[in-house]
Amino acid sequence: MAAPRPALERRHPPTVLMKVVNPVVRRLAARGKAGDTLLILHFTGRKSGRPFDVPAGYHLVDGRVTVFTNSGWRHNFAGGRDIHVTLHGARRPARAVLVAEPDEVTTVYRGLITELGPAKAQRRLGIRINVDRVPSYDEIREAVTASGLSMIHVTP
């Protein structure tokens, strides 16, 4: 018998799909045609020294541009980092700071899931909710710690 799924888990699109979609999203965001939900993070890898242009969805959390992810590139922003961001079609300097503290991340995720509703939150946050309600604080915290869910505050 298979173990039951957790109440909340991170959902990643297939890699092949992202290889097709990301260049299109980059072009749209660079031209200001991606609406109020997408941006591009421009940074150099701390270890690799390679340049990255990462399209990402964002939300305004307490007036701050915030990206939600558990992708490996998030570690580039531990301790804060000066980068560039393309937001609303304009590239500008920014400060990006990784927030990985589980209680803080859990609180923000729970607030957004409650605000957006579970169905919309799944699409906007890249998560799968396996219960027919807003997951409890403890259920979300379990997903945060198990999946490395975190936030990046971006200050242009």
N, C-alpha and C. Protein backbone atom coordinates (compact mmCIF):
# COMPACT_ATOMS: atom_id res chain seq x y z
N MET A 1 0.84 -1.19 0.00
CA MET A 1 0.00 0.00 0.00
C MET A 1 0.88 1.25 0.00
N ALA A 2 0.57 2.18 -0.87
CA ALA A 2 1.34 3.41 -0.99
C ALA A 2 1.07 4.33 0.20
N ALA A 3 2.11 5.04 0.59
CA ALA A 3 1.96 6.01 1.68
C ALA A 3 1.07 7.15 1.21
N PRO A 4 0.25 7.71 2.09
CA PRO A 4 -0.60 8.83 1.69
C PRO A 4 0.27 10.06 1.35
N ARG A 5 -0.23 10.83 0.41
CA ARG A 5 0.49 12.05 0.04
C ARG A 5 0.37 13.07 1.16
N PRO A 6 1.39 13.93 1.28
CA PRO A 6 1.28 15.00 2.27
C PRO A 6 0.21 16.00 1.84
N ALA A 7 -0.26 16.80 2.77
CA ALA A 7 -1.30 17.79 2.49
C ALA A 7 -0.84 18.80 1.44
N LEU A 8 0.44 19.11 1.43
CA LEU A 8 0.99 20.09 0.49
C LEU A 8 2.35 19.60 0.05
N GLU A 9 2.64 19.75 -1.24
CA GLU A 9 3.96 19.41 -1.76
C GLU A 9 4.33 20.34 -2.90
N ARG A 10 5.61 20.47 -3.15
CA ARG A 10 6.11 21.30 -4.23
C ARG A 10 5.88 20.57 -5.54
N ARG A 11 5.45 21.30 -6.53
CA ARG A 11 5.20 20.73 -7.86
C ARG A 11 6.12 21.42 -8.84
N HIS A 12 6.93 20.64 -9.51
CA HIS A 12 7.83 21.18 -10.53
C HIS A 12 7.31 20.81 -11.91
N PRO A 13 7.27 21.77 -12.82
CA PRO A 13 6.91 21.43 -14.20
C PRO A 13 7.99 20.52 -14.80
N PRO A 14 7.66 19.74 -15.80
CA PRO A 14 8.67 18.90 -16.44
C PRO A 14 9.82 19.75 -17.00
N THR A 15 11.03 19.25 -16.86
CA THR A 15 12.22 19.98 -17.31
C THR A 15 12.15 20.33 -18.79
N VAL A 16 11.69 19.39 -19.60
CA VAL A 16 11.61 19.64 -21.04
C VAL A 16 10.65 20.80 -21.33
N LEU A 17 9.56 20.87 -20.60
CA LEU A 17 8.61 21.98 -20.77
C LEU A 17 9.27 23.31 -20.41
N MET A 18 10.01 23.33 -19.31
CA MET A 18 10.66 24.58 -18.88
C MET A 18 11.71 25.05 -19.89
N LYS A 19 12.37 24.10 -20.57
CA LYS A 19 13.37 24.48 -21.59
C LYS A 19 12.71 25.17 -22.78
N VAL A 20 11.45 24.84 -23.02
CA VAL A 20 10.71 25.47 -24.12
C VAL A 20 10.08 26.78 -23.66
N VAL A 21 9.50 26.77 -22.47
CA VAL A 21 8.73 27.91 -21.97
C VAL A 21 9.63 29.06 -21.48
N ASN A 22 10.72 28.76 -20.80
CA ASN A 22 11.54 29.82 -20.20
C ASN A 22 12.04 30.86 -21.21
N PRO A 23 12.53 30.49 -22.40
CA PRO A 23 12.95 31.53 -23.35
C PRO A 23 11.80 32.45 -23.77
N VAL A 24 10.63 31.89 -23.92
CA VAL A 24 9.45 32.70 -24.27
C VAL A 24 9.11 33.66 -23.14
N VAL A 25 9.11 33.14 -21.91
CA VAL A 25 8.80 33.97 -20.75
C VAL A 25 9.84 35.07 -20.59
N ARG A 26 11.12 34.74 -20.80
CA ARG A 26 12.17 35.76 -20.71
C ARG A 26 11.90 36.90 -21.68
N ARG A 27 11.56 36.56 -22.92
CA ARG A 27 11.29 37.61 -23.93
C ARG A 27 10.08 38.46 -23.54
N LEU A 28 9.02 37.80 -23.09
CA LEU A 28 7.82 38.55 -22.69
C LEU A 28 8.12 39.48 -21.52
N ALA A 29 8.82 38.96 -20.50
CA ALA A 29 9.13 39.77 -19.32
C ALA A 29 10.06 40.93 -19.68
N ALA A 30 11.02 40.68 -20.54
CA ALA A 30 11.95 41.74 -20.95
C ALA A 30 11.24 42.86 -21.69
N ARG A 31 10.16 42.52 -22.38
CA ARG A 31 9.39 43.53 -23.12
C ARG A 31 8.25 44.12 -22.30
N GLY A 32 8.13 43.72 -21.04
CA GLY A 32 7.06 44.24 -20.20
C GLY A 32 5.70 43.65 -20.52
N LYS A 33 5.68 42.50 -21.16
CA LYS A 33 4.41 41.88 -21.58
C LYS A 33 4.04 40.67 -20.71
N ALA A 34 4.68 40.54 -19.56
CA ALA A 34 4.43 39.39 -18.69
C ALA A 34 3.48 39.72 -17.55
N GLY A 35 2.91 40.91 -17.58
CA GLY A 35 1.96 41.28 -16.54
C GLY A 35 2.62 41.54 -15.20
N ASP A 36 1.80 41.43 -14.17
CA ASP A 36 2.26 41.74 -12.82
C ASP A 36 2.62 40.49 -12.04
N THR A 37 3.02 39.42 -12.73
CA THR A 37 3.31 38.19 -12.01
C THR A 37 4.68 37.61 -12.31
N LEU A 38 5.37 38.11 -13.33
CA LEU A 38 6.66 37.53 -13.71
C LEU A 38 7.76 38.58 -13.74
N LEU A 39 8.96 38.12 -13.41
CA LEU A 39 10.15 38.95 -13.47
C LEU A 39 11.30 38.08 -13.92
N ILE A 40 12.45 38.69 -14.14
CA ILE A 40 13.67 37.95 -14.47
C ILE A 40 14.74 38.35 -13.46
N LEU A 41 15.33 37.36 -12.82
CA LEU A 41 16.46 37.59 -11.92
C LEU A 41 17.74 37.39 -12.73
N HIS A 42 18.61 38.41 -12.75
CA HIS A 42 19.88 38.35 -13.47
C HIS A 42 20.98 38.32 -12.42
N PHE A 43 21.74 37.23 -12.38
CA PHE A 43 22.79 37.11 -11.37
C PHE A 43 23.88 36.18 -11.87
N THR A 44 25.01 36.21 -11.19
CA THR A 44 26.13 35.33 -11.47
C THR A 44 26.18 34.28 -10.38
N GLY A 45 26.34 33.03 -10.76
CA GLY A 45 26.42 31.95 -9.78
C GLY A 45 27.60 32.13 -8.85
N ARG A 46 27.37 31.96 -7.56
CA ARG A 46 28.45 32.14 -6.59
C ARG A 46 29.58 31.15 -6.79
N LYS A 47 29.25 29.90 -7.07
CA LYS A 47 30.27 28.87 -7.24
C LYS A 47 30.73 28.75 -8.69
N SER A 48 29.79 28.77 -9.61
CA SER A 48 30.12 28.53 -11.03
C SER A 48 30.69 29.76 -11.72
N GLY A 49 30.29 30.94 -11.28
CA GLY A 49 30.68 32.16 -11.96
C GLY A 49 29.93 32.39 -13.25
N ARG A 50 28.96 31.51 -13.54
CA ARG A 50 28.17 31.62 -14.77
C ARG A 50 27.05 32.64 -14.60
N PRO A 51 26.72 33.36 -15.67
CA PRO A 51 25.58 34.28 -15.60
C PRO A 51 24.27 33.51 -15.73
N PHE A 52 23.26 33.93 -15.00
CA PHE A 52 21.92 33.32 -15.06
C PHE A 52 20.88 34.41 -15.28
N ASP A 53 19.88 34.09 -16.07
CA ASP A 53 18.71 34.93 -16.28
C ASP A 53 17.51 34.03 -16.01
N VAL A 54 17.00 34.10 -14.79
CA VAL A 54 15.97 33.17 -14.34
C VAL A 54 14.61 33.86 -14.30
N PRO A 55 13.68 33.43 -15.16
CA PRO A 55 12.32 33.97 -15.05
C PRO A 55 11.63 33.32 -13.85
N ALA A 56 10.87 34.10 -13.13
CA ALA A 56 10.20 33.59 -11.94
C ALA A 56 8.90 34.35 -11.70
N GLY A 57 7.95 33.66 -11.14
CA GLY A 57 6.73 34.32 -10.70
C GLY A 57 7.02 35.04 -9.39
N TYR A 58 6.27 36.10 -9.16
CA TYR A 58 6.45 36.83 -7.90
C TYR A 58 5.10 37.26 -7.35
N HIS A 59 5.12 37.60 -6.08
CA HIS A 59 3.96 38.14 -5.37
C HIS A 59 4.43 39.33 -4.56
N LEU A 60 3.52 40.25 -4.28
CA LEU A 60 3.82 41.33 -3.36
C LEU A 60 3.42 40.86 -1.97
N VAL A 61 4.39 40.81 -1.07
CA VAL A 61 4.16 40.39 0.31
C VAL A 61 4.57 41.56 1.20
N ASP A 62 3.60 42.16 1.86
CA ASP A 62 3.85 43.35 2.68
C ASP A 62 4.57 44.42 1.86
N GLY A 63 4.14 44.57 0.60
CA GLY A 63 4.71 45.59 -0.27
C GLY A 63 6.05 45.22 -0.88
N ARG A 64 6.57 44.01 -0.61
CA ARG A 64 7.87 43.60 -1.14
C ARG A 64 7.68 42.57 -2.26
N VAL A 65 8.46 42.72 -3.31
CA VAL A 65 8.48 41.73 -4.38
C VAL A 65 9.11 40.47 -3.80
N THR A 66 8.36 39.36 -3.89
CA THR A 66 8.81 38.11 -3.28
C THR A 66 8.63 36.95 -4.25
N VAL A 67 9.70 36.19 -4.43
CA VAL A 67 9.71 34.99 -5.27
C VAL A 67 9.68 33.79 -4.34
N PHE A 68 8.84 32.80 -4.66
CA PHE A 68 8.73 31.57 -3.88
C PHE A 68 9.35 30.44 -4.69
N THR A 69 10.29 29.70 -4.08
CA THR A 69 10.97 28.64 -4.81
C THR A 69 11.63 27.65 -3.85
N ASN A 70 11.95 26.51 -4.37
CA ASN A 70 12.88 25.60 -3.69
C ASN A 70 13.96 25.15 -4.67
N SER A 71 14.06 25.84 -5.80
CA SER A 71 15.07 25.52 -6.80
C SER A 71 16.47 25.80 -6.24
N GLY A 72 17.43 25.05 -6.73
CA GLY A 72 18.79 25.15 -6.22
C GLY A 72 19.42 26.53 -6.35
N TRP A 73 19.02 27.30 -7.36
CA TRP A 73 19.62 28.62 -7.56
C TRP A 73 19.32 29.58 -6.41
N ARG A 74 18.33 29.24 -5.56
CA ARG A 74 17.97 30.13 -4.45
C ARG A 74 19.14 30.36 -3.50
N HIS A 75 20.04 29.37 -3.40
CA HIS A 75 21.16 29.48 -2.45
C HIS A 75 22.12 30.62 -2.82
N ASN A 76 22.06 31.09 -4.06
CA ASN A 76 22.89 32.22 -4.45
C ASN A 76 22.55 33.48 -3.66
N PHE A 77 21.37 33.52 -3.04
CA PHE A 77 20.92 34.73 -2.36
C PHE A 77 20.99 34.65 -0.84
N ALA A 78 21.60 33.56 -0.33
CA ALA A 78 21.79 33.44 1.13
C ALA A 78 22.66 34.60 1.60
N GLY A 79 22.22 35.29 2.63
CA GLY A 79 22.96 36.42 3.16
C GLY A 79 22.77 37.71 2.37
N GLY A 80 22.02 37.64 1.27
CA GLY A 80 21.75 38.83 0.46
C GLY A 80 22.76 38.99 -0.66
N ARG A 81 22.31 39.58 -1.74
CA ARG A 81 23.14 39.71 -2.92
C ARG A 81 22.64 40.84 -3.80
N ASP A 82 23.58 41.62 -4.33
CA ASP A 82 23.22 42.65 -5.31
C ASP A 82 23.13 41.98 -6.68
N ILE A 83 22.01 42.19 -7.37
CA ILE A 83 21.76 41.58 -8.67
C ILE A 83 21.10 42.62 -9.56
N HIS A 84 20.59 42.19 -10.70
CA HIS A 84 19.69 42.99 -11.52
C HIS A 84 18.39 42.22 -11.65
N VAL A 85 17.31 42.96 -11.80
CA VAL A 85 16.00 42.34 -12.00
C VAL A 85 15.31 43.06 -13.14
N THR A 86 14.63 42.30 -13.99
CA THR A 86 13.77 42.89 -15.00
C THR A 86 12.36 42.76 -14.48
N LEU A 87 11.74 43.90 -14.25
CA LEU A 87 10.40 43.97 -13.67
C LEU A 87 9.61 44.99 -14.48
N HIS A 88 8.46 44.58 -14.99
CA HIS A 88 7.62 45.44 -15.84
C HIS A 88 8.40 45.97 -17.04
N GLY A 89 9.30 45.13 -17.59
CA GLY A 89 10.03 45.47 -18.79
C GLY A 89 11.27 46.32 -18.59
N ALA A 90 11.56 46.70 -17.35
CA ALA A 90 12.74 47.53 -17.10
C ALA A 90 13.76 46.75 -16.26
N ARG A 91 15.00 46.75 -16.74
CA ARG A 91 16.07 46.09 -15.99
C ARG A 91 16.71 47.12 -15.07
N ARG A 92 16.86 46.75 -13.81
CA ARG A 92 17.41 47.68 -12.83
C ARG A 92 18.17 46.93 -11.74
N PRO A 93 19.04 47.63 -11.03
CA PRO A 93 19.74 46.99 -9.91
C PRO A 93 18.74 46.64 -8.80
N ALA A 94 19.07 45.60 -8.06
CA ALA A 94 18.20 45.17 -6.97
C ALA A 94 19.03 44.44 -5.92
N ARG A 95 18.41 44.25 -4.79
CA ARG A 95 19.00 43.44 -3.71
C ARG A 95 18.09 42.24 -3.53
N ALA A 96 18.66 41.03 -3.54
CA ALA A 96 17.89 39.80 -3.36
C ALA A 96 18.37 39.10 -2.10
N VAL A 97 17.41 38.74 -1.23
CA VAL A 97 17.75 38.10 0.04
C VAL A 97 16.92 36.83 0.20
N LEU A 98 17.60 35.72 0.43
CA LEU A 98 16.93 34.45 0.67
C LEU A 98 16.37 34.42 2.08
N VAL A 99 15.10 34.03 2.19
CA VAL A 99 14.47 33.81 3.49
C VAL A 99 14.12 32.33 3.55
N ALA A 100 14.82 31.59 4.41
CA ALA A 100 14.61 30.15 4.49
C ALA A 100 14.14 29.72 5.88
N GLU A 101 13.93 30.66 6.78
CA GLU A 101 13.51 30.32 8.15
C GLU A 101 12.11 29.71 8.07
N PRO A 102 11.96 28.43 8.47
CA PRO A 102 10.70 27.71 8.25
C PRO A 102 9.44 28.38 8.79
N ASP A 103 9.49 28.96 9.97
CA ASP A 103 8.27 29.57 10.52
C ASP A 103 7.85 30.80 9.72
N GLU A 104 8.82 31.61 9.31
CA GLU A 104 8.50 32.80 8.52
C GLU A 104 7.94 32.40 7.15
N VAL A 105 8.57 31.43 6.50
CA VAL A 105 8.11 30.97 5.19
C VAL A 105 6.72 30.35 5.31
N THR A 106 6.51 29.54 6.34
CA THR A 106 5.21 28.89 6.55
C THR A 106 4.11 29.92 6.73
N THR A 107 4.36 30.93 7.52
CA THR A 107 3.35 31.96 7.78
C THR A 107 2.95 32.67 6.49
N VAL A 108 3.93 32.99 5.66
CA VAL A 108 3.63 33.70 4.41
C VAL A 108 2.90 32.78 3.43
N TYR A 109 3.36 31.54 3.30
CA TYR A 109 2.65 30.58 2.43
C TYR A 109 1.20 30.43 2.88
N ARG A 110 0.98 30.26 4.17
CA ARG A 110 -0.39 30.05 4.66
C ARG A 110 -1.25 31.28 4.35
N GLY A 111 -0.70 32.47 4.55
CA GLY A 111 -1.44 33.69 4.24
C GLY A 111 -1.82 33.77 2.77
N LEU A 112 -0.89 33.45 1.89
CA LEU A 112 -1.19 33.51 0.45
C LEU A 112 -2.17 32.43 0.02
N ILE A 113 -2.04 31.22 0.57
CA ILE A 113 -2.98 30.16 0.22
C ILE A 113 -4.39 30.55 0.67
N THR A 114 -4.49 31.15 1.85
CA THR A 114 -5.79 31.60 2.35
C THR A 114 -6.34 32.72 1.49
N GLU A 115 -5.49 33.68 1.14
CA GLU A 115 -5.91 34.83 0.33
C GLU A 115 -6.32 34.43 -1.08
N LEU A 116 -5.51 33.61 -1.72
CA LEU A 116 -5.76 33.22 -3.12
C LEU A 116 -6.79 32.11 -3.25
N GLY A 117 -6.93 31.31 -2.20
CA GLY A 117 -7.74 30.09 -2.28
C GLY A 117 -6.86 28.95 -2.77
N PRO A 118 -7.13 27.73 -2.33
CA PRO A 118 -6.26 26.60 -2.69
C PRO A 118 -6.07 26.39 -4.19
N ALA A 119 -7.12 26.51 -5.00
CA ALA A 119 -6.98 26.24 -6.44
C ALA A 119 -6.03 27.24 -7.11
N LYS A 120 -6.22 28.51 -6.87
CA LYS A 120 -5.37 29.53 -7.48
C LYS A 120 -3.96 29.49 -6.89
N ALA A 121 -3.86 29.21 -5.59
CA ALA A 121 -2.55 29.15 -4.93
C ALA A 121 -1.68 28.05 -5.55
N GLN A 122 -2.30 26.95 -5.93
CA GLN A 122 -1.53 25.86 -6.54
C GLN A 122 -0.85 26.33 -7.82
N ARG A 123 -1.59 27.05 -8.66
CA ARG A 123 -1.03 27.54 -9.91
C ARG A 123 0.01 28.63 -9.67
N ARG A 124 -0.29 29.55 -8.80
CA ARG A 124 0.57 30.73 -8.60
C ARG A 124 1.82 30.43 -7.76
N LEU A 125 1.77 29.41 -6.90
CA LEU A 125 2.89 29.13 -6.01
C LEU A 125 3.66 27.87 -6.39
N GLY A 126 3.22 27.16 -7.42
CA GLY A 126 3.92 25.96 -7.84
C GLY A 126 3.86 24.84 -6.81
N ILE A 127 2.70 24.70 -6.20
CA ILE A 127 2.52 23.67 -5.19
C ILE A 127 1.33 22.78 -5.57
N ARG A 128 1.23 21.65 -4.91
CA ARG A 128 0.06 20.78 -5.06
C ARG A 128 -0.54 20.64 -3.66
N ILE A 129 -1.83 20.93 -3.55
CA ILE A 129 -2.55 20.78 -2.29
C ILE A 129 -3.39 19.51 -2.42
N ASN A 130 -3.11 18.55 -1.57
CA ASN A 130 -3.75 17.24 -1.65
C ASN A 130 -4.90 17.06 -0.67
N VAL A 131 -5.40 18.15 -0.12
CA VAL A 131 -6.56 18.11 0.78
C VAL A 131 -7.58 19.11 0.26
N ASP A 132 -8.83 18.97 0.67
CA ASP A 132 -9.90 19.82 0.14
C ASP A 132 -10.16 21.05 1.01
N ARG A 133 -9.09 21.64 1.51
CA ARG A 133 -9.17 22.80 2.39
C ARG A 133 -7.82 23.50 2.39
N VAL A 134 -7.73 24.63 3.06
CA VAL A 134 -6.43 25.26 3.25
C VAL A 134 -5.65 24.38 4.23
N PRO A 135 -4.45 23.95 3.85
CA PRO A 135 -3.67 23.13 4.77
C PRO A 135 -3.39 23.87 6.08
N SER A 136 -3.26 23.10 7.14
CA SER A 136 -2.97 23.69 8.45
C SER A 136 -1.54 24.24 8.47
N TYR A 137 -1.26 25.04 9.47
CA TYR A 137 0.08 25.59 9.65
C TYR A 137 1.10 24.45 9.71
N ASP A 138 0.82 23.42 10.51
CA ASP A 138 1.76 22.31 10.66
C ASP A 138 1.96 21.55 9.34
N GLU A 139 0.90 21.39 8.57
CA GLU A 139 1.02 20.70 7.28
C GLU A 139 1.87 21.51 6.30
N ILE A 140 1.71 22.81 6.31
CA ILE A 140 2.52 23.66 5.44
C ILE A 140 3.96 23.66 5.91
N ARG A 141 4.18 23.74 7.21
CA ARG A 141 5.55 23.75 7.75
C ARG A 141 6.26 22.45 7.41
N GLU A 142 5.54 21.35 7.43
CA GLU A 142 6.13 20.06 7.06
C GLU A 142 6.62 20.11 5.61
N ALA A 143 5.82 20.69 4.72
CA ALA A 143 6.23 20.81 3.31
C ALA A 143 7.41 21.76 3.16
N VAL A 144 7.40 22.84 3.92
CA VAL A 144 8.49 23.81 3.86
C VAL A 144 9.81 23.13 4.23
N THR A 145 9.81 22.39 5.33
CA THR A 145 11.06 21.76 5.77
C THR A 145 11.43 20.57 4.89
N ALA A 146 10.46 19.80 4.42
CA ALA A 146 10.75 18.62 3.59
C ALA A 146 11.23 19.01 2.20
N SER A 147 10.70 20.09 1.65
CA SER A 147 11.00 20.47 0.27
C SER A 147 11.97 21.63 0.13
N GLY A 148 12.31 22.27 1.23
CA GLY A 148 13.19 23.44 1.14
C GLY A 148 12.50 24.65 0.57
N LEU A 149 11.16 24.71 0.70
CA LEU A 149 10.44 25.88 0.22
C LEU A 149 10.98 27.12 0.91
N SER A 150 11.21 28.16 0.15
CA SER A 150 11.75 29.40 0.70
C SER A 150 11.25 30.58 -0.11
N MET A 151 11.67 31.76 0.31
CA MET A 151 11.28 33.00 -0.35
C MET A 151 12.53 33.81 -0.65
N ILE A 152 12.45 34.60 -1.68
CA ILE A 152 13.51 35.56 -1.98
C ILE A 152 12.85 36.93 -2.06
N HIS A 153 13.25 37.81 -1.15
CA HIS A 153 12.76 39.19 -1.21
C HIS A 153 13.67 39.95 -2.18
N VAL A 154 13.05 40.63 -3.13
CA VAL A 154 13.78 41.38 -4.14
C VAL A 154 13.42 42.85 -3.98
N THR A 155 14.42 43.65 -3.70
CA THR A 155 14.19 45.09 -3.52
C THR A 155 14.87 45.85 -4.66
N PRO A 156 14.06 46.32 -5.63
CA PRO A 156 14.66 47.09 -6.76
C PRO A 156 15.20 48.42 -6.28
